[in-house]
Amino acid sequence: MPDVQRVRDDDRPAIHLIDRECDALYALALDAGARQSGQAALLLAELDRAEVHRLDALPPDIVTMHSRVEFVDEGSGATRTITLVYPGEADIAAGKVSVFTPIGAGLIGMRAGQTILWPDRDGASHRLRVVKVDRP
């Protein structure tokens, strides 16, 4: 399980969230806290530091829920494209990744071009760069 303490503030870029999505994600993370403490803690830490906006004030290249996101692991060079979804909508075979996964919590609120040093499920750190964001 990833350790939220390993993700330092200086390794995390500014993030931006839609107000209603931020509220929904807080509620989900707090509800899941007892069952998925590590995942919930990662997500809550990101939500706590986010700048919150109305939908109409959010720049178009920000990762929101249901965004299609292309990103690259700068260490391996591997590129992936996923759709960021709520936990009940996750389907890895269809490329739908939950915001409760380490990668989902790391990508929410990021902007195209930004990078973040982020742990995977095993705790290993990866530098991820958002290449492209297609919002719904």
N, C-alpha and C. Protein backbone atom coordinates (compact mmCIF):
# COMPACT_ATOMS: atom_id res chain seq x y z
N MET A 1 0.85 -1.19 0.00
CA MET A 1 0.00 0.00 0.00
C MET A 1 0.88 1.24 0.00
N PRO A 2 0.61 2.22 -0.85
CA PRO A 2 1.42 3.43 -0.91
C PRO A 2 1.37 4.21 0.40
N ASP A 3 2.42 4.91 0.66
CA ASP A 3 2.53 5.69 1.88
C ASP A 3 2.44 7.17 1.55
N VAL A 4 1.39 7.82 2.06
CA VAL A 4 1.18 9.24 1.79
C VAL A 4 2.34 10.09 2.29
N GLN A 5 3.05 9.63 3.31
CA GLN A 5 4.16 10.40 3.85
C GLN A 5 5.34 10.46 2.87
N ARG A 6 5.43 9.50 1.93
CA ARG A 6 6.53 9.48 0.96
C ARG A 6 6.35 10.52 -0.13
N VAL A 7 5.16 11.07 -0.27
CA VAL A 7 4.89 12.07 -1.30
C VAL A 7 5.08 13.44 -0.65
N ARG A 8 6.21 14.08 -0.96
CA ARG A 8 6.53 15.37 -0.34
C ARG A 8 5.84 16.51 -1.08
N ASP A 9 5.54 17.57 -0.34
CA ASP A 9 4.89 18.74 -0.95
C ASP A 9 5.66 19.30 -2.13
N ASP A 10 6.99 19.29 -2.05
CA ASP A 10 7.78 19.86 -3.14
C ASP A 10 7.78 18.97 -4.38
N ASP A 11 7.28 17.75 -4.26
CA ASP A 11 7.17 16.85 -5.40
C ASP A 11 5.80 16.91 -6.05
N ARG A 12 4.94 17.76 -5.54
CA ARG A 12 3.57 17.82 -6.04
C ARG A 12 3.26 19.19 -6.63
N PRO A 13 2.83 19.21 -7.87
CA PRO A 13 2.47 20.48 -8.50
C PRO A 13 1.13 20.97 -7.98
N ALA A 14 0.84 22.24 -8.23
CA ALA A 14 -0.47 22.79 -7.88
C ALA A 14 -1.54 22.00 -8.62
N ILE A 15 -2.66 21.77 -7.95
CA ILE A 15 -3.77 21.09 -8.61
C ILE A 15 -5.05 21.91 -8.45
N HIS A 16 -5.98 21.66 -9.35
CA HIS A 16 -7.23 22.41 -9.41
C HIS A 16 -8.39 21.44 -9.53
N LEU A 17 -9.46 21.69 -8.78
CA LEU A 17 -10.62 20.81 -8.80
C LEU A 17 -11.90 21.61 -8.98
N ILE A 18 -12.90 20.94 -9.54
CA ILE A 18 -14.25 21.51 -9.63
C ILE A 18 -14.89 21.39 -8.25
N ASP A 19 -15.55 22.44 -7.79
CA ASP A 19 -16.10 22.46 -6.44
C ASP A 19 -17.00 21.27 -6.13
N ARG A 20 -17.94 20.94 -7.00
CA ARG A 20 -18.86 19.83 -6.69
C ARG A 20 -18.16 18.48 -6.72
N GLU A 21 -17.14 18.32 -7.58
CA GLU A 21 -16.38 17.07 -7.59
C GLU A 21 -15.53 16.95 -6.33
N CYS A 22 -14.97 18.04 -5.89
CA CYS A 22 -14.16 18.04 -4.67
C CYS A 22 -15.02 17.60 -3.48
N ASP A 23 -16.22 18.15 -3.38
CA ASP A 23 -17.13 17.77 -2.29
C ASP A 23 -17.48 16.29 -2.36
N ALA A 24 -17.78 15.79 -3.55
CA ALA A 24 -18.14 14.38 -3.72
C ALA A 24 -16.95 13.47 -3.38
N LEU A 25 -15.75 13.87 -3.78
CA LEU A 25 -14.57 13.06 -3.50
C LEU A 25 -14.23 13.06 -2.01
N TYR A 26 -14.40 14.20 -1.34
CA TYR A 26 -14.20 14.24 0.12
C TYR A 26 -15.14 13.24 0.79
N ALA A 27 -16.41 13.28 0.42
CA ALA A 27 -17.40 12.38 1.03
C ALA A 27 -17.02 10.92 0.79
N LEU A 28 -16.63 10.58 -0.43
CA LEU A 28 -16.24 9.21 -0.74
C LEU A 28 -15.00 8.78 0.05
N ALA A 29 -14.00 9.65 0.09
CA ALA A 29 -12.76 9.31 0.79
C ALA A 29 -12.98 9.15 2.28
N LEU A 30 -13.78 10.02 2.86
CA LEU A 30 -14.06 9.90 4.30
C LEU A 30 -14.85 8.64 4.59
N ASP A 31 -15.80 8.30 3.72
CA ASP A 31 -16.58 7.08 3.89
C ASP A 31 -15.72 5.84 3.74
N ALA A 32 -14.78 5.87 2.82
CA ALA A 32 -13.93 4.70 2.55
C ALA A 32 -12.74 4.62 3.51
N GLY A 33 -12.52 5.64 4.30
CA GLY A 33 -11.34 5.72 5.15
C GLY A 33 -11.05 4.50 5.97
N ALA A 34 -12.04 3.92 6.59
CA ALA A 34 -11.82 2.76 7.45
C ALA A 34 -11.49 1.51 6.62
N ARG A 35 -12.06 1.41 5.43
CA ARG A 35 -11.85 0.22 4.59
C ARG A 35 -10.58 0.31 3.75
N GLN A 36 -10.25 1.49 3.30
CA GLN A 36 -9.10 1.68 2.41
C GLN A 36 -8.26 2.84 2.91
N SER A 37 -7.72 2.70 4.09
CA SER A 37 -7.07 3.85 4.74
C SER A 37 -5.94 4.46 3.93
N GLY A 38 -5.08 3.65 3.31
CA GLY A 38 -3.97 4.20 2.53
C GLY A 38 -4.44 4.95 1.30
N GLN A 39 -5.37 4.36 0.57
CA GLN A 39 -5.89 5.00 -0.64
C GLN A 39 -6.66 6.27 -0.28
N ALA A 40 -7.49 6.19 0.74
CA ALA A 40 -8.27 7.36 1.16
C ALA A 40 -7.33 8.48 1.62
N ALA A 41 -6.27 8.13 2.34
CA ALA A 41 -5.33 9.14 2.83
C ALA A 41 -4.64 9.85 1.67
N LEU A 42 -4.24 9.10 0.63
CA LEU A 42 -3.61 9.73 -0.54
C LEU A 42 -4.56 10.72 -1.19
N LEU A 43 -5.80 10.30 -1.39
CA LEU A 43 -6.78 11.17 -2.03
C LEU A 43 -7.09 12.38 -1.16
N LEU A 44 -7.29 12.17 0.13
CA LEU A 44 -7.60 13.30 1.03
C LEU A 44 -6.45 14.32 1.05
N ALA A 45 -5.22 13.84 1.03
CA ALA A 45 -4.07 14.76 1.01
C ALA A 45 -4.09 15.63 -0.24
N GLU A 46 -4.48 15.05 -1.38
CA GLU A 46 -4.57 15.83 -2.61
C GLU A 46 -5.73 16.82 -2.54
N LEU A 47 -6.86 16.38 -2.06
CA LEU A 47 -8.02 17.27 -1.95
C LEU A 47 -7.73 18.45 -1.03
N ASP A 48 -7.01 18.19 0.06
CA ASP A 48 -6.69 19.25 1.02
C ASP A 48 -5.84 20.37 0.43
N ARG A 49 -5.03 20.06 -0.55
CA ARG A 49 -4.13 21.08 -1.11
C ARG A 49 -4.64 21.68 -2.42
N ALA A 50 -5.78 21.24 -2.89
CA ALA A 50 -6.30 21.69 -4.17
C ALA A 50 -6.88 23.09 -4.12
N GLU A 51 -6.75 23.79 -5.23
CA GLU A 51 -7.47 25.04 -5.43
C GLU A 51 -8.80 24.67 -6.08
N VAL A 52 -9.89 25.13 -5.50
CA VAL A 52 -11.22 24.72 -5.94
C VAL A 52 -11.88 25.84 -6.76
N HIS A 53 -12.52 25.43 -7.87
CA HIS A 53 -13.12 26.37 -8.81
C HIS A 53 -14.54 25.93 -9.18
N ARG A 54 -15.32 26.86 -9.67
CA ARG A 54 -16.57 26.51 -10.34
C ARG A 54 -16.20 25.88 -11.68
N LEU A 55 -17.06 25.05 -12.21
CA LEU A 55 -16.78 24.38 -13.48
C LEU A 55 -16.44 25.38 -14.58
N ASP A 56 -17.19 26.46 -14.66
CA ASP A 56 -16.96 27.42 -15.75
C ASP A 56 -15.66 28.21 -15.60
N ALA A 57 -15.01 28.13 -14.45
CA ALA A 57 -13.76 28.85 -14.23
C ALA A 57 -12.53 27.94 -14.30
N LEU A 58 -12.74 26.65 -14.54
CA LEU A 58 -11.64 25.70 -14.58
C LEU A 58 -11.03 25.65 -15.98
N PRO A 59 -9.71 25.79 -16.10
CA PRO A 59 -9.08 25.68 -17.42
C PRO A 59 -9.39 24.32 -18.06
N PRO A 60 -9.43 24.25 -19.38
CA PRO A 60 -9.84 23.02 -20.07
C PRO A 60 -8.84 21.88 -20.02
N ASP A 61 -7.59 22.15 -19.64
CA ASP A 61 -6.59 21.08 -19.65
C ASP A 61 -6.31 20.50 -18.26
N ILE A 62 -7.30 20.59 -17.38
CA ILE A 62 -7.20 20.06 -16.02
C ILE A 62 -7.88 18.70 -15.97
N VAL A 63 -7.26 17.73 -15.29
CA VAL A 63 -7.85 16.40 -15.13
C VAL A 63 -9.00 16.48 -14.13
N THR A 64 -10.20 16.15 -14.60
CA THR A 64 -11.38 16.08 -13.75
C THR A 64 -11.92 14.65 -13.81
N MET A 65 -12.95 14.39 -13.05
CA MET A 65 -13.59 13.08 -13.14
C MET A 65 -14.14 12.91 -14.55
N HIS A 66 -14.01 11.72 -15.06
CA HIS A 66 -14.45 11.32 -16.40
C HIS A 66 -13.60 11.91 -17.52
N SER A 67 -12.46 12.52 -17.16
CA SER A 67 -11.51 12.97 -18.18
C SER A 67 -10.79 11.76 -18.76
N ARG A 68 -10.45 11.89 -20.03
CA ARG A 68 -9.57 10.92 -20.68
C ARG A 68 -8.18 11.54 -20.59
N VAL A 69 -7.24 10.82 -19.99
CA VAL A 69 -5.92 11.37 -19.67
C VAL A 69 -4.82 10.51 -20.29
N GLU A 70 -3.96 11.16 -21.05
CA GLU A 70 -2.76 10.49 -21.53
C GLU A 70 -1.61 10.95 -20.66
N PHE A 71 -0.85 9.98 -20.14
CA PHE A 71 0.30 10.34 -19.30
C PHE A 71 1.44 9.38 -19.59
N VAL A 72 2.64 9.81 -19.20
CA VAL A 72 3.83 9.00 -19.42
C VAL A 72 4.56 8.83 -18.10
N ASP A 73 5.07 7.62 -17.88
CA ASP A 73 5.96 7.35 -16.76
C ASP A 73 7.34 7.73 -17.27
N GLU A 74 7.90 8.82 -16.78
CA GLU A 74 9.16 9.33 -17.32
C GLU A 74 10.34 8.39 -17.06
N GLY A 75 10.23 7.53 -16.07
CA GLY A 75 11.30 6.58 -15.79
C GLY A 75 11.37 5.46 -16.81
N SER A 76 10.22 4.91 -17.15
CA SER A 76 10.17 3.78 -18.09
C SER A 76 9.87 4.20 -19.51
N GLY A 77 9.31 5.40 -19.67
CA GLY A 77 8.90 5.85 -21.00
C GLY A 77 7.53 5.32 -21.42
N ALA A 78 6.91 4.51 -20.57
CA ALA A 78 5.61 3.93 -20.89
C ALA A 78 4.53 5.00 -20.90
N THR A 79 3.71 5.00 -21.95
CA THR A 79 2.59 5.92 -22.06
C THR A 79 1.30 5.16 -21.89
N ARG A 80 0.37 5.75 -21.15
CA ARG A 80 -0.95 5.15 -20.95
C ARG A 80 -2.01 6.21 -21.18
N THR A 81 -3.18 5.75 -21.58
CA THR A 81 -4.35 6.61 -21.68
C THR A 81 -5.45 5.94 -20.89
N ILE A 82 -6.01 6.68 -19.94
CA ILE A 82 -7.07 6.15 -19.08
C ILE A 82 -8.21 7.16 -19.00
N THR A 83 -9.34 6.70 -18.51
CA THR A 83 -10.44 7.59 -18.14
C THR A 83 -10.54 7.52 -16.63
N LEU A 84 -10.52 8.67 -15.96
CA LEU A 84 -10.58 8.72 -14.50
C LEU A 84 -12.03 8.68 -14.05
N VAL A 85 -12.36 7.69 -13.20
CA VAL A 85 -13.75 7.47 -12.81
C VAL A 85 -13.89 7.29 -11.30
N TYR A 86 -15.14 7.30 -10.84
CA TYR A 86 -15.45 6.98 -9.45
C TYR A 86 -15.30 5.48 -9.25
N PRO A 87 -15.09 5.03 -8.01
CA PRO A 87 -14.80 3.62 -7.77
C PRO A 87 -15.80 2.62 -8.38
N GLY A 88 -17.07 2.88 -8.32
CA GLY A 88 -18.06 1.95 -8.85
C GLY A 88 -18.06 1.85 -10.37
N GLU A 89 -17.38 2.76 -11.05
CA GLU A 89 -17.33 2.78 -12.51
C GLU A 89 -16.04 2.17 -13.06
N ALA A 90 -15.12 1.80 -12.18
CA ALA A 90 -13.81 1.32 -12.61
C ALA A 90 -13.93 0.03 -13.42
N ASP A 91 -13.14 -0.05 -14.48
CA ASP A 91 -13.07 -1.23 -15.34
C ASP A 91 -11.72 -1.16 -16.05
N ILE A 92 -10.72 -1.81 -15.48
CA ILE A 92 -9.36 -1.69 -15.99
C ILE A 92 -9.27 -2.16 -17.43
N ALA A 93 -10.05 -3.18 -17.81
CA ALA A 93 -10.02 -3.68 -19.19
C ALA A 93 -10.50 -2.62 -20.18
N ALA A 94 -11.38 -1.74 -19.73
CA ALA A 94 -11.90 -0.66 -20.57
C ALA A 94 -11.11 0.64 -20.40
N GLY A 95 -10.04 0.60 -19.59
CA GLY A 95 -9.23 1.79 -19.38
C GLY A 95 -9.83 2.78 -18.41
N LYS A 96 -10.79 2.33 -17.61
CA LYS A 96 -11.44 3.21 -16.62
C LYS A 96 -10.80 2.96 -15.26
N VAL A 97 -10.05 3.96 -14.79
CA VAL A 97 -9.27 3.83 -13.56
C VAL A 97 -9.91 4.66 -12.45
N SER A 98 -10.08 4.05 -11.29
CA SER A 98 -10.70 4.71 -10.14
C SER A 98 -9.79 5.79 -9.56
N VAL A 99 -10.42 6.85 -9.10
CA VAL A 99 -9.71 7.92 -8.41
C VAL A 99 -9.15 7.42 -7.07
N PHE A 100 -9.60 6.25 -6.62
CA PHE A 100 -9.10 5.66 -5.38
C PHE A 100 -7.85 4.82 -5.58
N THR A 101 -7.40 4.66 -6.80
CA THR A 101 -6.13 3.99 -7.03
C THR A 101 -5.02 5.01 -6.86
N PRO A 102 -3.79 4.56 -6.62
CA PRO A 102 -2.70 5.54 -6.51
C PRO A 102 -2.59 6.42 -7.75
N ILE A 103 -2.71 5.84 -8.93
CA ILE A 103 -2.58 6.63 -10.15
C ILE A 103 -3.72 7.63 -10.28
N GLY A 104 -4.93 7.22 -9.92
CA GLY A 104 -6.09 8.11 -9.99
C GLY A 104 -5.96 9.29 -9.04
N ALA A 105 -5.54 9.01 -7.81
CA ALA A 105 -5.36 10.08 -6.82
C ALA A 105 -4.24 11.02 -7.23
N GLY A 106 -3.23 10.48 -7.90
CA GLY A 106 -2.12 11.32 -8.35
C GLY A 106 -2.47 12.22 -9.52
N LEU A 107 -3.37 11.76 -10.39
CA LEU A 107 -3.69 12.53 -11.59
C LEU A 107 -4.78 13.57 -11.40
N ILE A 108 -5.70 13.35 -10.46
CA ILE A 108 -6.83 14.27 -10.30
C ILE A 108 -6.33 15.70 -10.07
N GLY A 109 -6.87 16.61 -10.83
CA GLY A 109 -6.54 18.03 -10.65
C GLY A 109 -5.29 18.51 -11.34
N MET A 110 -4.53 17.60 -11.97
CA MET A 110 -3.31 18.02 -12.65
C MET A 110 -3.63 18.61 -14.01
N ARG A 111 -2.68 19.34 -14.55
CA ARG A 111 -2.83 20.04 -15.82
C ARG A 111 -1.87 19.41 -16.84
N ALA A 112 -2.26 19.42 -18.09
CA ALA A 112 -1.39 18.92 -19.15
C ALA A 112 -0.03 19.60 -19.04
N GLY A 113 1.03 18.81 -19.11
CA GLY A 113 2.40 19.32 -18.99
C GLY A 113 2.99 19.19 -17.61
N GLN A 114 2.17 19.03 -16.58
CA GLN A 114 2.68 18.91 -15.22
C GLN A 114 3.21 17.50 -14.95
N THR A 115 4.16 17.42 -14.03
CA THR A 115 4.67 16.13 -13.57
C THR A 115 4.49 16.01 -12.08
N ILE A 116 4.45 14.75 -11.62
CA ILE A 116 4.33 14.48 -10.20
C ILE A 116 5.10 13.21 -9.88
N LEU A 117 5.79 13.20 -8.75
CA LEU A 117 6.45 12.00 -8.25
C LEU A 117 5.43 11.32 -7.36
N TRP A 118 5.05 10.08 -7.73
CA TRP A 118 3.91 9.45 -7.08
C TRP A 118 4.14 7.97 -6.86
N PRO A 119 3.68 7.42 -5.71
CA PRO A 119 3.89 6.00 -5.44
C PRO A 119 2.88 5.11 -6.19
N ASP A 120 3.34 3.90 -6.53
CA ASP A 120 2.41 2.91 -7.08
C ASP A 120 1.87 2.06 -5.94
N ARG A 121 1.12 1.02 -6.26
CA ARG A 121 0.52 0.17 -5.22
C ARG A 121 1.56 -0.49 -4.32
N ASP A 122 2.76 -0.68 -4.84
CA ASP A 122 3.82 -1.33 -4.06
C ASP A 122 4.70 -0.34 -3.32
N GLY A 123 4.43 0.95 -3.49
CA GLY A 123 5.20 1.97 -2.79
C GLY A 123 6.37 2.52 -3.57
N ALA A 124 6.65 1.97 -4.77
CA ALA A 124 7.74 2.50 -5.59
C ALA A 124 7.29 3.83 -6.22
N SER A 125 8.20 4.80 -6.26
CA SER A 125 7.86 6.11 -6.81
C SER A 125 8.10 6.17 -8.31
N HIS A 126 7.21 6.87 -9.01
CA HIS A 126 7.30 7.07 -10.45
C HIS A 126 7.05 8.54 -10.74
N ARG A 127 7.79 9.10 -11.68
CA ARG A 127 7.53 10.47 -12.12
C ARG A 127 6.60 10.38 -13.31
N LEU A 128 5.38 10.89 -13.11
CA LEU A 128 4.35 10.86 -14.13
C LEU A 128 4.18 12.25 -14.72
N ARG A 129 4.03 12.31 -16.05
CA ARG A 129 3.79 13.58 -16.73
C ARG A 129 2.48 13.47 -17.52
N VAL A 130 1.60 14.42 -17.28
CA VAL A 130 0.35 14.47 -18.02
C VAL A 130 0.64 15.04 -19.40
N VAL A 131 0.28 14.30 -20.43
CA VAL A 131 0.53 14.70 -21.81
C VAL A 131 -0.67 15.42 -22.38
N LYS A 132 -1.86 14.83 -22.18
CA LYS A 132 -3.06 15.37 -22.81
C LYS A 132 -4.28 15.07 -21.94
N VAL A 133 -5.21 16.02 -21.91
CA VAL A 133 -6.44 15.86 -21.14
C VAL A 133 -7.62 16.16 -22.05
N ASP A 134 -8.54 15.23 -22.14
CA ASP A 134 -9.81 15.45 -22.85
C ASP A 134 -10.91 15.35 -21.80
N ARG A 135 -11.51 16.50 -21.49
CA ARG A 135 -12.58 16.51 -20.48
C ARG A 135 -13.91 16.24 -21.15
N PRO A 136 -14.81 15.62 -20.37
CA PRO A 136 -16.14 15.33 -20.93
C PRO A 136 -16.93 16.60 -21.21
